[in-house]
Amino acid sequence: IGIAQSEHRKIFEKFYRVSSGHGHETKGTGLGLALVKNIIDAHQGLITLQSKPGEGSTFILHFPRK
């Protein structure tokens, strides 16, 4: 569904869920992206987000070569 630019930094926080107005229809705890961010950080990597409300989101994980 896409994520507003103002929400991009917050979505990687534990238990944070974007308010879409459809809260009763959306399932989840808000832990998934926080876990992904912790794993990326542990590997000295980077996660980037490209998103537009109404269009969708793309998450790109960058892992350093060892």
N, C-alpha and C. Protein backbone atom coordinates (compact mmCIF):
# COMPACT_ATOMS: atom_id res chain seq x y z
N ILE A 1 0.81 -1.21 0.00
CA ILE A 1 0.00 0.00 0.00
C ILE A 1 0.85 1.26 0.00
N GLY A 2 2.13 1.13 0.29
CA GLY A 2 3.02 2.28 0.33
C GLY A 2 3.09 2.90 1.71
N ILE A 3 4.18 3.60 1.96
CA ILE A 3 4.43 4.21 3.26
C ILE A 3 4.81 5.66 3.04
N ALA A 4 4.17 6.56 3.75
CA ALA A 4 4.46 7.98 3.63
C ALA A 4 5.90 8.27 4.05
N GLN A 5 6.53 9.24 3.42
CA GLN A 5 7.92 9.61 3.71
C GLN A 5 8.11 9.91 5.19
N SER A 6 7.13 10.53 5.83
CA SER A 6 7.23 10.89 7.25
C SER A 6 7.31 9.67 8.17
N GLU A 7 6.95 8.50 7.68
CA GLU A 7 6.95 7.27 8.47
C GLU A 7 8.20 6.41 8.26
N HIS A 8 9.02 6.74 7.26
CA HIS A 8 10.12 5.86 6.85
C HIS A 8 11.08 5.52 8.00
N ARG A 9 11.49 6.47 8.80
CA ARG A 9 12.43 6.17 9.89
C ARG A 9 11.76 5.41 11.02
N LYS A 10 10.51 5.69 11.28
CA LYS A 10 9.79 5.09 12.40
C LYS A 10 9.49 3.61 12.21
N ILE A 11 9.35 3.16 10.97
CA ILE A 11 8.89 1.79 10.74
C ILE A 11 9.89 0.73 11.16
N PHE A 12 11.13 1.13 11.44
CA PHE A 12 12.14 0.17 11.90
C PHE A 12 12.21 0.08 13.42
N GLU A 13 11.34 0.81 14.12
CA GLU A 13 11.28 0.77 15.59
C GLU A 13 10.39 -0.39 16.03
N LYS A 14 10.76 -1.01 17.15
CA LYS A 14 9.95 -2.12 17.68
C LYS A 14 8.52 -1.67 17.95
N PHE A 15 7.59 -2.49 17.56
CA PHE A 15 6.16 -2.34 17.82
C PHE A 15 5.51 -1.16 17.09
N TYR A 16 6.25 -0.50 16.21
CA TYR A 16 5.66 0.62 15.46
C TYR A 16 4.85 0.07 14.29
N ARG A 17 3.67 0.59 14.14
CA ARG A 17 2.82 0.22 13.00
C ARG A 17 2.28 1.49 12.37
N VAL A 18 2.35 1.56 11.07
CA VAL A 18 1.86 2.72 10.34
C VAL A 18 0.35 2.78 10.49
N SER A 19 -0.15 3.95 10.81
CA SER A 19 -1.59 4.14 10.92
C SER A 19 -2.16 4.38 9.54
N SER A 20 -2.93 3.41 9.06
CA SER A 20 -3.50 3.53 7.72
C SER A 20 -5.00 3.81 7.75
N GLY A 21 -5.58 3.85 8.94
CA GLY A 21 -7.02 4.01 9.02
C GLY A 21 -7.75 2.69 8.92
N HIS A 22 -7.00 1.60 8.66
CA HIS A 22 -7.59 0.27 8.56
C HIS A 22 -7.02 -0.63 9.65
N GLY A 23 -6.81 -0.08 10.83
CA GLY A 23 -6.15 -0.79 11.92
C GLY A 23 -6.76 -2.12 12.28
N HIS A 24 -8.03 -2.26 12.15
CA HIS A 24 -8.68 -3.52 12.51
C HIS A 24 -8.46 -4.59 11.45
N GLU A 25 -8.13 -4.18 10.25
CA GLU A 25 -7.92 -5.12 9.16
C GLU A 25 -6.47 -5.56 9.04
N THR A 26 -5.54 -4.75 9.56
CA THR A 26 -4.12 -5.03 9.44
C THR A 26 -3.64 -5.88 10.60
N LYS A 27 -3.00 -6.98 10.28
CA LYS A 27 -2.49 -7.86 11.33
C LYS A 27 -1.00 -7.62 11.50
N GLY A 28 -0.46 -8.02 12.64
CA GLY A 28 0.97 -7.90 12.89
C GLY A 28 1.26 -7.22 14.20
N THR A 29 2.51 -7.34 14.63
CA THR A 29 2.92 -6.78 15.91
C THR A 29 3.85 -5.59 15.77
N GLY A 30 4.38 -5.36 14.58
CA GLY A 30 5.33 -4.28 14.40
C GLY A 30 6.75 -4.69 14.75
N LEU A 31 7.03 -5.98 14.75
CA LEU A 31 8.37 -6.46 15.08
C LEU A 31 9.21 -6.85 13.86
N GLY A 32 8.59 -7.19 12.75
CA GLY A 32 9.30 -7.73 11.59
C GLY A 32 10.41 -6.84 11.07
N LEU A 33 10.12 -5.58 10.79
CA LEU A 33 11.15 -4.69 10.24
C LEU A 33 12.21 -4.34 11.28
N ALA A 34 11.84 -4.30 12.55
CA ALA A 34 12.83 -4.07 13.61
C ALA A 34 13.83 -5.23 13.66
N LEU A 35 13.34 -6.45 13.50
CA LEU A 35 14.24 -7.62 13.47
C LEU A 35 15.15 -7.59 12.25
N VAL A 36 14.60 -7.25 11.10
CA VAL A 36 15.40 -7.15 9.88
C VAL A 36 16.50 -6.10 10.07
N LYS A 37 16.14 -4.95 10.65
CA LYS A 37 17.12 -3.88 10.88
C LYS A 37 18.23 -4.34 11.82
N ASN A 38 17.88 -5.08 12.88
CA ASN A 38 18.89 -5.59 13.81
C ASN A 38 19.85 -6.55 13.12
N ILE A 39 19.34 -7.40 12.26
CA ILE A 39 20.19 -8.36 11.54
C ILE A 39 21.11 -7.62 10.58
N ILE A 40 20.57 -6.66 9.84
CA ILE A 40 21.39 -5.87 8.92
C ILE A 40 22.49 -5.13 9.67
N ASP A 41 22.13 -4.52 10.80
CA ASP A 41 23.12 -3.79 11.61
C ASP A 41 24.21 -4.72 12.12
N ALA A 42 23.84 -5.92 12.52
CA ALA A 42 24.82 -6.89 13.04
C ALA A 42 25.84 -7.28 11.97
N HIS A 43 25.47 -7.17 10.71
CA HIS A 43 26.35 -7.51 9.59
C HIS A 43 26.97 -6.27 8.95
N GLN A 44 26.86 -5.12 9.63
CA GLN A 44 27.36 -3.84 9.12
C GLN A 44 26.81 -3.54 7.72
N GLY A 45 25.54 -3.85 7.54
CA GLY A 45 24.90 -3.63 6.25
C GLY A 45 24.02 -2.39 6.27
N LEU A 46 23.19 -2.30 5.26
CA LEU A 46 22.33 -1.14 5.08
C LEU A 46 21.00 -1.60 4.51
N ILE A 47 19.93 -0.99 4.96
CA ILE A 47 18.61 -1.26 4.39
C ILE A 47 18.08 0.05 3.83
N THR A 48 17.60 0.00 2.60
CA THR A 48 17.02 1.18 1.98
C THR A 48 15.57 0.90 1.64
N LEU A 49 14.79 1.95 1.63
CA LEU A 49 13.36 1.85 1.38
C LEU A 49 12.96 2.81 0.27
N GLN A 50 12.24 2.30 -0.68
CA GLN A 50 11.63 3.12 -1.73
C GLN A 50 10.12 2.87 -1.62
N SER A 51 9.35 3.91 -1.39
CA SER A 51 7.92 3.71 -1.18
C SER A 51 7.12 4.94 -1.57
N LYS A 52 5.95 4.69 -2.11
CA LYS A 52 5.00 5.75 -2.44
C LYS A 52 3.61 5.28 -2.00
N PRO A 53 2.94 6.10 -1.19
CA PRO A 53 1.58 5.73 -0.78
C PRO A 53 0.70 5.45 -1.99
N GLY A 54 -0.05 4.38 -1.92
CA GLY A 54 -0.94 3.99 -2.99
C GLY A 54 -0.28 3.16 -4.08
N GLU A 55 1.07 3.05 -4.03
CA GLU A 55 1.78 2.29 -5.06
C GLU A 55 2.48 1.06 -4.51
N GLY A 56 3.10 1.16 -3.35
CA GLY A 56 3.80 0.02 -2.77
C GLY A 56 5.17 0.39 -2.24
N SER A 57 5.89 -0.62 -1.76
CA SER A 57 7.19 -0.41 -1.13
C SER A 57 8.20 -1.44 -1.61
N THR A 58 9.46 -1.02 -1.67
CA THR A 58 10.56 -1.91 -1.98
C THR A 58 11.63 -1.72 -0.92
N PHE A 59 12.03 -2.81 -0.28
CA PHE A 59 13.10 -2.79 0.71
C PHE A 59 14.31 -3.48 0.08
N ILE A 60 15.47 -2.82 0.12
CA ILE A 60 16.68 -3.38 -0.44
C ILE A 60 17.69 -3.56 0.67
N LEU A 61 18.18 -4.80 0.82
CA LEU A 61 19.17 -5.12 1.84
C LEU A 61 20.55 -5.18 1.21
N HIS A 62 21.47 -4.42 1.77
CA HIS A 62 22.85 -4.37 1.27
C HIS A 62 23.75 -5.01 2.32
N PHE A 63 24.39 -6.12 1.97
CA PHE A 63 25.33 -6.79 2.87
C PHE A 63 26.74 -6.59 2.34
N PRO A 64 27.69 -6.23 3.21
CA PRO A 64 29.07 -6.07 2.73
C PRO A 64 29.69 -7.41 2.38
N ARG A 65 30.57 -7.38 1.42
CA ARG A 65 31.32 -8.60 1.08
C ARG A 65 32.42 -8.79 2.10
N LYS A 66 32.67 -10.00 2.46
CA LYS A 66 33.73 -10.29 3.43
C LYS A 66 34.89 -10.93 2.76
